[in-house]
Structure formats: structure tokens, C-alpha cells
mmCIF file of all heavy atoms, coordinates in Angstrom:
data_MODEL
# 
_entry.id   MODEL 
# 
loop_
_atom_site.group_PDB 
_atom_site.id 
_atom_site.type_symbol 
_atom_site.label_atom_id 
_atom_site.label_alt_id 
_atom_site.label_comp_id 
_atom_site.label_asym_id 
_atom_site.label_entity_id 
_atom_site.label_seq_id 
_atom_site.pdbx_PDB_ins_code 
_atom_site.Cartn_x 
_atom_site.Cartn_y 
_atom_site.Cartn_z 
_atom_site.occupancy 
_atom_site.B_iso_or_equiv 
_atom_site.pdbx_formal_charge 
_atom_site.auth_seq_id 
_atom_site.auth_comp_id 
_atom_site.auth_asym_id 
_atom_site.auth_atom_id 
_atom_site.pdbx_PDB_model_num 
ATOM 1   N N   . VAL A 1 1  ? 1.473   -16.258 1.526  1.00 0.00 ? 1  VAL A N   1 
ATOM 2   C CA  . VAL A 1 1  ? 1.451   -16.917 0.226  1.00 0.00 ? 1  VAL A CA  1 
ATOM 3   C C   . VAL A 1 1  ? 0.287   -17.894 0.108  1.00 0.00 ? 1  VAL A C   1 
ATOM 4   O O   . VAL A 1 1  ? -0.385  -17.957 -0.925 1.00 0.00 ? 1  VAL A O   1 
ATOM 5   C CB  . VAL A 1 1  ? 2.786   -17.664 -0.035 1.00 0.00 ? 1  VAL A CB  1 
ATOM 6   C CG1 . VAL A 1 1  ? 2.720   -18.430 -1.350 1.00 0.00 ? 1  VAL A CG1 1 
ATOM 7   C CG2 . VAL A 1 1  ? 3.946   -16.676 -0.052 1.00 0.00 ? 1  VAL A CG2 1 
ATOM 8   N N   . ARG A 1 2  ? 0.009   -18.641 1.170  1.00 0.00 ? 2  ARG A N   1 
ATOM 9   C CA  . ARG A 1 2  ? -0.991  -19.714 1.092  1.00 0.00 ? 2  ARG A CA  1 
ATOM 10  C C   . ARG A 1 2  ? -2.352  -19.376 1.692  1.00 0.00 ? 2  ARG A C   1 
ATOM 11  O O   . ARG A 1 2  ? -3.324  -20.071 1.421  1.00 0.00 ? 2  ARG A O   1 
ATOM 12  C CB  . ARG A 1 2  ? -0.440  -20.967 1.784  1.00 0.00 ? 2  ARG A CB  1 
ATOM 13  C CG  . ARG A 1 2  ? 0.851   -21.485 1.156  1.00 0.00 ? 2  ARG A CG  1 
ATOM 14  C CD  . ARG A 1 2  ? 1.336   -22.722 1.871  1.00 0.00 ? 2  ARG A CD  1 
ATOM 15  N NE  . ARG A 1 2  ? 2.577   -23.238 1.303  1.00 0.00 ? 2  ARG A NE  1 
ATOM 16  C CZ  . ARG A 1 2  ? 3.222   -24.304 1.728  1.00 0.00 ? 2  ARG A CZ  1 
ATOM 17  N NH1 . ARG A 1 2  ? 2.748   -24.975 2.767  1.00 0.00 ? 2  ARG A NH1 1 
ATOM 18  N NH2 . ARG A 1 2  ? 4.345   -24.691 1.154  1.00 0.00 ? 2  ARG A NH2 1 
ATOM 19  N N   . SER A 1 3  ? -2.408  -18.370 2.520  1.00 0.00 ? 3  SER A N   1 
ATOM 20  C CA  . SER A 1 3  ? -3.664  -18.055 3.198  1.00 0.00 ? 3  SER A CA  1 
ATOM 21  C C   . SER A 1 3  ? -4.531  -17.142 2.338  1.00 0.00 ? 3  SER A C   1 
ATOM 22  O O   . SER A 1 3  ? -4.167  -15.998 2.050  1.00 0.00 ? 3  SER A O   1 
ATOM 23  C CB  . SER A 1 3  ? -3.375  -17.386 4.545  1.00 0.00 ? 3  SER A CB  1 
ATOM 24  O OG  . SER A 1 3  ? -4.534  -16.795 5.075  1.00 0.00 ? 3  SER A OG  1 
ATOM 25  N N   . ARG A 1 4  ? -5.705  -17.650 1.927  1.00 0.00 ? 4  ARG A N   1 
ATOM 26  C CA  . ARG A 1 4  ? -6.621  -16.819 1.150  1.00 0.00 ? 4  ARG A CA  1 
ATOM 27  C C   . ARG A 1 4  ? -7.049  -15.600 1.956  1.00 0.00 ? 4  ARG A C   1 
ATOM 28  O O   . ARG A 1 4  ? -7.207  -14.501 1.404  1.00 0.00 ? 4  ARG A O   1 
ATOM 29  C CB  . ARG A 1 4  ? -7.870  -17.620 0.759  1.00 0.00 ? 4  ARG A CB  1 
ATOM 30  C CG  . ARG A 1 4  ? -7.629  -18.779 -0.177 1.00 0.00 ? 4  ARG A CG  1 
ATOM 31  C CD  . ARG A 1 4  ? -8.948  -19.455 -0.527 1.00 0.00 ? 4  ARG A CD  1 
ATOM 32  N NE  . ARG A 1 4  ? -9.696  -19.843 0.685  1.00 0.00 ? 4  ARG A NE  1 
ATOM 33  C CZ  . ARG A 1 4  ? -10.930 -20.329 0.677  1.00 0.00 ? 4  ARG A CZ  1 
ATOM 34  N NH1 . ARG A 1 4  ? -11.566 -20.494 -0.480 1.00 0.00 ? 4  ARG A NH1 1 
ATOM 35  N NH2 . ARG A 1 4  ? -11.543 -20.662 1.796  1.00 0.00 ? 4  ARG A NH2 1 
ATOM 36  N N   . GLU A 1 5  ? -7.270  -15.812 3.254  1.00 0.00 ? 5  GLU A N   1 
ATOM 37  C CA  . GLU A 1 5  ? -7.724  -14.707 4.102  1.00 0.00 ? 5  GLU A CA  1 
ATOM 38  C C   . GLU A 1 5  ? -6.688  -13.588 4.132  1.00 0.00 ? 5  GLU A C   1 
ATOM 39  O O   . GLU A 1 5  ? -7.029  -12.402 4.021  1.00 0.00 ? 5  GLU A O   1 
ATOM 40  C CB  . GLU A 1 5  ? -7.996  -15.210 5.529  1.00 0.00 ? 5  GLU A CB  1 
ATOM 41  C CG  . GLU A 1 5  ? -9.166  -16.171 5.643  1.00 0.00 ? 5  GLU A CG  1 
ATOM 42  C CD  . GLU A 1 5  ? -8.758  -17.621 5.370  1.00 0.00 ? 5  GLU A CD  1 
ATOM 43  O OE1 . GLU A 1 5  ? -7.573  -17.845 5.008  1.00 0.00 ? 5  GLU A OE1 1 
ATOM 44  O OE2 . GLU A 1 5  ? -9.609  -18.510 5.502  1.00 0.00 ? 5  GLU A OE2 1 
ATOM 45  N N   . THR A 1 6  ? -5.421  -13.982 4.269  1.00 0.00 ? 6  THR A N   1 
ATOM 46  C CA  . THR A 1 6  ? -4.354  -12.983 4.319  1.00 0.00 ? 6  THR A CA  1 
ATOM 47  C C   . THR A 1 6  ? -4.261  -12.209 3.010  1.00 0.00 ? 6  THR A C   1 
ATOM 48  O O   . THR A 1 6  ? -4.162  -10.977 3.000  1.00 0.00 ? 6  THR A O   1 
ATOM 49  C CB  . THR A 1 6  ? -3.001  -13.664 4.600  1.00 0.00 ? 6  THR A CB  1 
ATOM 50  O OG1 . THR A 1 6  ? -3.085  -14.365 5.841  1.00 0.00 ? 6  THR A OG1 1 
ATOM 51  C CG2 . THR A 1 6  ? -1.878  -12.649 4.660  1.00 0.00 ? 6  THR A CG2 1 
ATOM 52  N N   . ILE A 1 7  ? -4.316  -12.941 1.896  1.00 0.00 ? 7  ILE A N   1 
ATOM 53  C CA  . ILE A 1 7  ? -4.164  -12.298 0.590  1.00 0.00 ? 7  ILE A CA  1 
ATOM 54  C C   . ILE A 1 7  ? -5.318  -11.333 0.315  1.00 0.00 ? 7  ILE A C   1 
ATOM 55  O O   . ILE A 1 7  ? -5.110  -10.190 -0.106 1.00 0.00 ? 7  ILE A O   1 
ATOM 56  C CB  . ILE A 1 7  ? -4.068  -13.371 -0.514 1.00 0.00 ? 7  ILE A CB  1 
ATOM 57  C CG1 . ILE A 1 7  ? -2.782  -14.186 -0.345 1.00 0.00 ? 7  ILE A CG1 1 
ATOM 58  C CG2 . ILE A 1 7  ? -4.116  -12.724 -1.907 1.00 0.00 ? 7  ILE A CG2 1 
ATOM 59  C CD1 . ILE A 1 7  ? -2.702  -15.421 -1.220 1.00 0.00 ? 7  ILE A CD1 1 
ATOM 60  N N   . LEU A 1 8  ? -6.541  -11.771 0.594  1.00 0.00 ? 8  LEU A N   1 
ATOM 61  C CA  . LEU A 1 8  ? -7.695  -10.917 0.319  1.00 0.00 ? 8  LEU A CA  1 
ATOM 62  C C   . LEU A 1 8  ? -7.693  -9.682  1.209  1.00 0.00 ? 8  LEU A C   1 
ATOM 63  O O   . LEU A 1 8  ? -7.849  -8.546  0.715  1.00 0.00 ? 8  LEU A O   1 
ATOM 64  C CB  . LEU A 1 8  ? -8.998  -11.700 0.514  1.00 0.00 ? 8  LEU A CB  1 
ATOM 65  C CG  . LEU A 1 8  ? -10.283 -10.884 0.289  1.00 0.00 ? 8  LEU A CG  1 
ATOM 66  C CD1 . LEU A 1 8  ? -10.354 -10.365 -1.138 1.00 0.00 ? 8  LEU A CD1 1 
ATOM 67  C CD2 . LEU A 1 8  ? -11.519 -11.712 0.628  1.00 0.00 ? 8  LEU A CD2 1 
ATOM 68  N N   . LEU A 1 9  ? -7.515  -9.875  2.511  1.00 0.00 ? 9  LEU A N   1 
ATOM 69  C CA  . LEU A 1 9  ? -7.542  -8.725  3.416  1.00 0.00 ? 9  LEU A CA  1 
ATOM 70  C C   . LEU A 1 9  ? -6.400  -7.757  3.098  1.00 0.00 ? 9  LEU A C   1 
ATOM 71  O O   . LEU A 1 9  ? -6.581  -6.538  3.171  1.00 0.00 ? 9  LEU A O   1 
ATOM 72  C CB  . LEU A 1 9  ? -7.459  -9.186  4.865  1.00 0.00 ? 9  LEU A CB  1 
ATOM 73  C CG  . LEU A 1 9  ? -8.659  -9.971  5.418  1.00 0.00 ? 9  LEU A CG  1 
ATOM 74  C CD1 . LEU A 1 9  ? -8.481  -10.243 6.902  1.00 0.00 ? 9  LEU A CD1 1 
ATOM 75  C CD2 . LEU A 1 9  ? -9.959  -9.211  5.185  1.00 0.00 ? 9  LEU A CD2 1 
ATOM 76  N N   . SER A 1 10 ? -5.257  -8.283  2.731  1.00 0.00 ? 10 SER A N   1 
ATOM 77  C CA  . SER A 1 10 ? -4.126  -7.409  2.397  1.00 0.00 ? 10 SER A CA  1 
ATOM 78  C C   . SER A 1 10 ? -4.439  -6.565  1.164  1.00 0.00 ? 10 SER A C   1 
ATOM 79  O O   . SER A 1 10 ? -4.124  -5.362  1.118  1.00 0.00 ? 10 SER A O   1 
ATOM 80  C CB  . SER A 1 10 ? -2.863  -8.239  2.161  1.00 0.00 ? 10 SER A CB  1 
ATOM 81  O OG  . SER A 1 10 ? -2.478  -8.928  3.337  1.00 0.00 ? 10 SER A OG  1 
ATOM 82  N N   . LEU A 1 11 ? -5.049  -7.187  0.162  1.00 0.00 ? 11 LEU A N   1 
ATOM 83  C CA  . LEU A 1 11 ? -5.440  -6.442  -1.037 1.00 0.00 ? 11 LEU A CA  1 
ATOM 84  C C   . LEU A 1 11 ? -6.412  -5.318  -0.692 1.00 0.00 ? 11 LEU A C   1 
ATOM 85  O O   . LEU A 1 11 ? -6.285  -4.183  -1.171 1.00 0.00 ? 11 LEU A O   1 
ATOM 86  C CB  . LEU A 1 11 ? -6.070  -7.382  -2.064 1.00 0.00 ? 11 LEU A CB  1 
ATOM 87  C CG  . LEU A 1 11 ? -5.127  -8.319  -2.823 1.00 0.00 ? 11 LEU A CG  1 
ATOM 88  C CD1 . LEU A 1 11 ? -5.938  -9.312  -3.652 1.00 0.00 ? 11 LEU A CD1 1 
ATOM 89  C CD2 . LEU A 1 11 ? -4.189  -7.518  -3.721 1.00 0.00 ? 11 LEU A CD2 1 
ATOM 90  N N   . LEU A 1 12 ? -7.399  -5.637  0.149  1.00 0.00 ? 12 LEU A N   1 
ATOM 91  C CA  . LEU A 1 12 ? -8.434  -4.654  0.487  1.00 0.00 ? 12 LEU A CA  1 
ATOM 92  C C   . LEU A 1 12 ? -7.864  -3.508  1.308  1.00 0.00 ? 12 LEU A C   1 
ATOM 93  O O   . LEU A 1 12 ? -8.153  -2.336  1.046  1.00 0.00 ? 12 LEU A O   1 
ATOM 94  C CB  . LEU A 1 12 ? -9.564  -5.347  1.260  1.00 0.00 ? 12 LEU A CB  1 
ATOM 95  C CG  . LEU A 1 12 ? -10.323 -6.440  0.498  1.00 0.00 ? 12 LEU A CG  1 
ATOM 96  C CD1 . LEU A 1 12 ? -11.347 -7.115  1.406  1.00 0.00 ? 12 LEU A CD1 1 
ATOM 97  C CD2 . LEU A 1 12 ? -11.001 -5.859  -0.746 1.00 0.00 ? 12 LEU A CD2 1 
ATOM 98  N N   . VAL A 1 13 ? -7.043  -3.837  2.314  1.00 0.00 ? 13 VAL A N   1 
ATOM 99  C CA  . VAL A 1 13 ? -6.488  -2.793  3.171  1.00 0.00 ? 13 VAL A CA  1 
ATOM 100 C C   . VAL A 1 13 ? -5.513  -1.914  2.392  1.00 0.00 ? 13 VAL A C   1 
ATOM 101 O O   . VAL A 1 13 ? -5.556  -0.681  2.473  1.00 0.00 ? 13 VAL A O   1 
ATOM 102 C CB  . VAL A 1 13 ? -5.792  -3.422  4.396  1.00 0.00 ? 13 VAL A CB  1 
ATOM 103 C CG1 . VAL A 1 13 ? -5.044  -2.360  5.200  1.00 0.00 ? 13 VAL A CG1 1 
ATOM 104 C CG2 . VAL A 1 13 ? -6.810  -4.131  5.287  1.00 0.00 ? 13 VAL A CG2 1 
ATOM 105 N N   . GLU A 1 14 ? -4.648  -2.547  1.594  1.00 0.00 ? 14 GLU A N   1 
ATOM 106 C CA  . GLU A 1 14 ? -3.662  -1.765  0.849  1.00 0.00 ? 14 GLU A CA  1 
ATOM 107 C C   . GLU A 1 14 ? -4.337  -0.846  -0.169 1.00 0.00 ? 14 GLU A C   1 
ATOM 108 O O   . GLU A 1 14 ? -3.932  0.315   -0.335 1.00 0.00 ? 14 GLU A O   1 
ATOM 109 C CB  . GLU A 1 14 ? -2.666  -2.692  0.147  1.00 0.00 ? 14 GLU A CB  1 
ATOM 110 C CG  . GLU A 1 14 ? -1.567  -1.932  -0.578 1.00 0.00 ? 14 GLU A CG  1 
ATOM 111 C CD  . GLU A 1 14 ? -0.480  -2.830  -1.134 1.00 0.00 ? 14 GLU A CD  1 
ATOM 112 O OE1 . GLU A 1 14 ? -0.406  -4.015  -0.741 1.00 0.00 ? 14 GLU A OE1 1 
ATOM 113 O OE2 . GLU A 1 14 ? 0.315   -2.349  -1.962 1.00 0.00 ? 14 GLU A OE2 1 
ATOM 114 N N   . ALA A 1 15 ? -5.379  -1.343  -0.847 1.00 0.00 ? 15 ALA A N   1 
ATOM 115 C CA  . ALA A 1 15 ? -6.073  -0.512  -1.835 1.00 0.00 ? 15 ALA A CA  1 
ATOM 116 C C   . ALA A 1 15 ? -6.703  0.712   -1.179 1.00 0.00 ? 15 ALA A C   1 
ATOM 117 O O   . ALA A 1 15 ? -6.617  1.838   -1.706 1.00 0.00 ? 15 ALA A O   1 
ATOM 118 C CB  . ALA A 1 15 ? -7.136  -1.343  -2.548 1.00 0.00 ? 15 ALA A CB  1 
ATOM 119 N N   . ALA A 1 16 ? -7.330  0.508   -0.015 1.00 0.00 ? 16 ALA A N   1 
ATOM 120 C CA  . ALA A 1 16 ? -7.960  1.633   0.689  1.00 0.00 ? 16 ALA A CA  1 
ATOM 121 C C   . ALA A 1 16 ? -6.908  2.638   1.149  1.00 0.00 ? 16 ALA A C   1 
ATOM 122 O O   . ALA A 1 16 ? -7.067  3.854   0.983  1.00 0.00 ? 16 ALA A O   1 
ATOM 123 C CB  . ALA A 1 16 ? -8.764  1.117   1.880  1.00 0.00 ? 16 ALA A CB  1 
ATOM 124 N N   . TRP A 1 17 ? -5.815  2.135   1.711  1.00 0.00 ? 17 TRP A N   1 
ATOM 125 C CA  . TRP A 1 17 ? -4.798  3.038   2.243  1.00 0.00 ? 17 TRP A CA  1 
ATOM 126 C C   . TRP A 1 17 ? -4.077  3.794   1.139  1.00 0.00 ? 17 TRP A C   1 
ATOM 127 O O   . TRP A 1 17 ? -3.711  4.955   1.317  1.00 0.00 ? 17 TRP A O   1 
ATOM 128 C CB  . TRP A 1 17 ? -3.807  2.257   3.094  1.00 0.00 ? 17 TRP A CB  1 
ATOM 129 C CG  . TRP A 1 17 ? -4.361  1.886   4.447  1.00 0.00 ? 17 TRP A CG  1 
ATOM 130 C CD1 . TRP A 1 17 ? -5.577  2.221   4.955  1.00 0.00 ? 17 TRP A CD1 1 
ATOM 131 C CD2 . TRP A 1 17 ? -3.708  1.116   5.454  1.00 0.00 ? 17 TRP A CD2 1 
ATOM 132 N NE1 . TRP A 1 17 ? -5.730  1.712   6.218  1.00 0.00 ? 17 TRP A NE1 1 
ATOM 133 C CE2 . TRP A 1 17 ? -4.597  1.029   6.550  1.00 0.00 ? 17 TRP A CE2 1 
ATOM 134 C CE3 . TRP A 1 17 ? -2.470  0.491   5.537  1.00 0.00 ? 17 TRP A CE3 1 
ATOM 135 C CZ2 . TRP A 1 17 ? -4.270  0.342   7.711  1.00 0.00 ? 17 TRP A CZ2 1 
ATOM 136 C CZ3 . TRP A 1 17 ? -2.145  -0.192  6.694  1.00 0.00 ? 17 TRP A CZ3 1 
ATOM 137 C CH2 . TRP A 1 17 ? -3.040  -0.262  7.780  1.00 0.00 ? 17 TRP A CH2 1 
ATOM 138 N N   . ARG A 1 18 ? -3.859  3.148   -0.013 1.00 0.00 ? 18 ARG A N   1 
ATOM 139 C CA  . ARG A 1 18 ? -3.203  3.864   -1.105 1.00 0.00 ? 18 ARG A CA  1 
ATOM 140 C C   . ARG A 1 18 ? -4.045  5.054   -1.565 1.00 0.00 ? 18 ARG A C   1 
ATOM 141 O O   . ARG A 1 18 ? -3.522  6.057   -2.050 1.00 0.00 ? 18 ARG A O   1 
ATOM 142 C CB  . ARG A 1 18 ? -2.954  2.921   -2.282 1.00 0.00 ? 18 ARG A CB  1 
ATOM 143 C CG  . ARG A 1 18 ? -1.791  1.956   -2.057 1.00 0.00 ? 18 ARG A CG  1 
ATOM 144 C CD  . ARG A 1 18 ? -1.397  1.244   -3.325 1.00 0.00 ? 18 ARG A CD  1 
ATOM 145 N NE  . ARG A 1 18 ? -0.303  0.298   -3.104 1.00 0.00 ? 18 ARG A NE  1 
ATOM 146 C CZ  . ARG A 1 18 ? 0.974   0.627   -3.029 1.00 0.00 ? 18 ARG A CZ  1 
ATOM 147 N NH1 . ARG A 1 18 ? 1.312   1.912   -3.168 1.00 0.00 ? 18 ARG A NH1 1 
ATOM 148 N NH2 . ARG A 1 18 ? 1.908   -0.287  -2.832 1.00 0.00 ? 18 ARG A NH2 1 
ATOM 149 N N   . GLU A 1 19 ? -5.347  4.951   -1.405 1.00 0.00 ? 19 GLU A N   1 
ATOM 150 C CA  . GLU A 1 19 ? -6.249  6.049   -1.767 1.00 0.00 ? 19 GLU A CA  1 
ATOM 151 C C   . GLU A 1 19 ? -6.430  7.042   -0.617 1.00 0.00 ? 19 GLU A C   1 
ATOM 152 O O   . GLU A 1 19 ? -7.173  8.027   -0.754 1.00 0.00 ? 19 GLU A O   1 
ATOM 153 C CB  . GLU A 1 19 ? -7.610  5.490   -2.180 1.00 0.00 ? 19 GLU A CB  1 
ATOM 154 C CG  . GLU A 1 19 ? -7.556  4.629   -3.439 1.00 0.00 ? 19 GLU A CG  1 
ATOM 155 C CD  . GLU A 1 19 ? -8.902  3.967   -3.729 1.00 0.00 ? 19 GLU A CD  1 
ATOM 156 O OE1 . GLU A 1 19 ? -9.868  4.226   -2.967 1.00 0.00 ? 19 GLU A OE1 1 
ATOM 157 O OE2 . GLU A 1 19 ? -8.995  3.206   -4.708 1.00 0.00 ? 19 GLU A OE2 1 
ATOM 158 N N   . GLY A 1 20 ? -5.773  6.771   0.519  1.00 0.00 ? 20 GLY A N   1 
ATOM 159 C CA  . GLY A 1 20 ? -5.893  7.667   1.663  1.00 0.00 ? 20 GLY A CA  1 
ATOM 160 C C   . GLY A 1 20 ? -7.167  7.491   2.445  1.00 0.00 ? 20 GLY A C   1 
ATOM 161 O O   . GLY A 1 20 ? -7.549  8.366   3.231  1.00 0.00 ? 20 GLY A O   1 
ATOM 162 N N   . ARG A 1 21 ? -7.854  6.356   2.250  1.00 0.00 ? 21 ARG A N   1 
ATOM 163 C CA  . ARG A 1 21 ? -9.123  6.115   2.949  1.00 0.00 ? 21 ARG A CA  1 
ATOM 164 C C   . ARG A 1 21 ? -8.894  5.341   4.246  1.00 0.00 ? 21 ARG A C   1 
ATOM 165 O O   . ARG A 1 21 ? -8.203  4.329   4.263  1.00 0.00 ? 21 ARG A O   1 
ATOM 166 C CB  . ARG A 1 21 ? -10.096 5.320   2.069  1.00 0.00 ? 21 ARG A CB  1 
ATOM 167 C CG  . ARG A 1 21 ? -10.635 6.102   0.892  1.00 0.00 ? 21 ARG A CG  1 
ATOM 168 C CD  . ARG A 1 21 ? -11.739 5.348   0.170  1.00 0.00 ? 21 ARG A CD  1 
ATOM 169 N NE  . ARG A 1 21 ? -11.232 4.184   -0.559 1.00 0.00 ? 21 ARG A NE  1 
ATOM 170 C CZ  . ARG A 1 21 ? -11.491 2.928   -0.232 1.00 0.00 ? 21 ARG A CZ  1 
ATOM 171 N NH1 . ARG A 1 21 ? -12.220 2.649   0.849  1.00 0.00 ? 21 ARG A NH1 1 
ATOM 172 N NH2 . ARG A 1 21 ? -11.019 1.924   -0.974 1.00 0.00 ? 21 ARG A NH2 1 
ATOM 173 N N   . ASP A 1 22 ? -9.510  5.825   5.335  1.00 0.00 ? 22 ASP A N   1 
ATOM 174 C CA  . ASP A 1 22 ? -9.489  5.092   6.587  1.00 0.00 ? 22 ASP A CA  1 
ATOM 175 C C   . ASP A 1 22 ? -10.356 3.848   6.462  1.00 0.00 ? 22 ASP A C   1 
ATOM 176 O O   . ASP A 1 22 ? -11.315 3.817   5.672  1.00 0.00 ? 22 ASP A O   1 
ATOM 177 C CB  . ASP A 1 22 ? -10.011 5.961   7.734  1.00 0.00 ? 22 ASP A CB  1 
ATOM 178 C CG  . ASP A 1 22 ? -9.134  7.170   7.990  1.00 0.00 ? 22 ASP A CG  1 
ATOM 179 O OD1 . ASP A 1 22 ? -7.981  7.150   7.531  1.00 0.00 ? 22 ASP A OD1 1 
ATOM 180 O OD2 . ASP A 1 22 ? -9.602  8.118   8.641  1.00 0.00 ? 22 ASP A OD2 1 
ATOM 181 N N   . LEU A 1 23 ? -10.020 2.824   7.259  1.00 0.00 ? 23 LEU A N   1 
ATOM 182 C CA  . LEU A 1 23 ? -10.742 1.563   7.128  1.00 0.00 ? 23 LEU A CA  1 
ATOM 183 C C   . LEU A 1 23 ? -10.879 0.933   8.509  1.00 0.00 ? 23 LEU A C   1 
ATOM 184 O O   . LEU A 1 23 ? -9.902  0.435   9.067  1.00 0.00 ? 23 LEU A O   1 
ATOM 185 C CB  . LEU A 1 23 ? -9.980  0.617   6.197  1.00 0.00 ? 23 LEU A CB  1 
ATOM 186 C CG  . LEU A 1 23 ? -10.700 -0.650  5.751  1.00 0.00 ? 23 LEU A CG  1 
ATOM 187 C CD1 . LEU A 1 23 ? -11.939 -0.302  4.941  1.00 0.00 ? 23 LEU A CD1 1 
ATOM 188 C CD2 . LEU A 1 23 ? -9.765  -1.517  4.921  1.00 0.00 ? 23 LEU A CD2 1 
ATOM 189 N N   . GLY A 1 24 ? -12.108 0.978   9.056  1.00 0.00 ? 24 GLY A N   1 
ATOM 190 C CA  . GLY A 1 24 ? -12.384 0.305   10.315 1.00 0.00 ? 24 GLY A CA  1 
ATOM 191 C C   . GLY A 1 24 ? -12.803 -1.129  10.071 1.00 0.00 ? 24 GLY A C   1 
ATOM 192 O O   . GLY A 1 24 ? -12.948 -1.583  8.931  1.00 0.00 ? 24 GLY A O   1 
ATOM 193 N N   . LEU A 1 25 ? -13.021 -1.863  11.155 1.00 0.00 ? 25 LEU A N   1 
ATOM 194 C CA  . LEU A 1 25 ? -13.443 -3.258  11.004 1.00 0.00 ? 25 LEU A CA  1 
ATOM 195 C C   . LEU A 1 25 ? -14.780 -3.369  10.283 1.00 0.00 ? 25 LEU A C   1 
ATOM 196 O O   . LEU A 1 25 ? -14.981 -4.281  9.474  1.00 0.00 ? 25 LEU A O   1 
ATOM 197 C CB  . LEU A 1 25 ? -13.532 -3.930  12.378 1.00 0.00 ? 25 LEU A CB  1 
ATOM 198 C CG  . LEU A 1 25 ? -12.258 -4.562  12.930 1.00 0.00 ? 25 LEU A CG  1 
ATOM 199 C CD1 . LEU A 1 25 ? -12.526 -5.190  14.278 1.00 0.00 ? 25 LEU A CD1 1 
ATOM 200 C CD2 . LEU A 1 25 ? -11.724 -5.612  11.958 1.00 0.00 ? 25 LEU A CD2 1 
# 
């Protein structure tokens, strides 16, 4: 809820995975 890093990374990872795209570091 409070961590900007958590919220941003979660948005990015979830968006990629919903599209079926692999995502490395």
C-alpha cells in the first residue's frame, strides 16, 4: 500500500504477465 517501488513493479510485472510476456530483470 505504501511502497512506491512495490506498487510500480507490481503494475509492470502484472501487465506483462497478463499479456503472456516473459520478463527478466
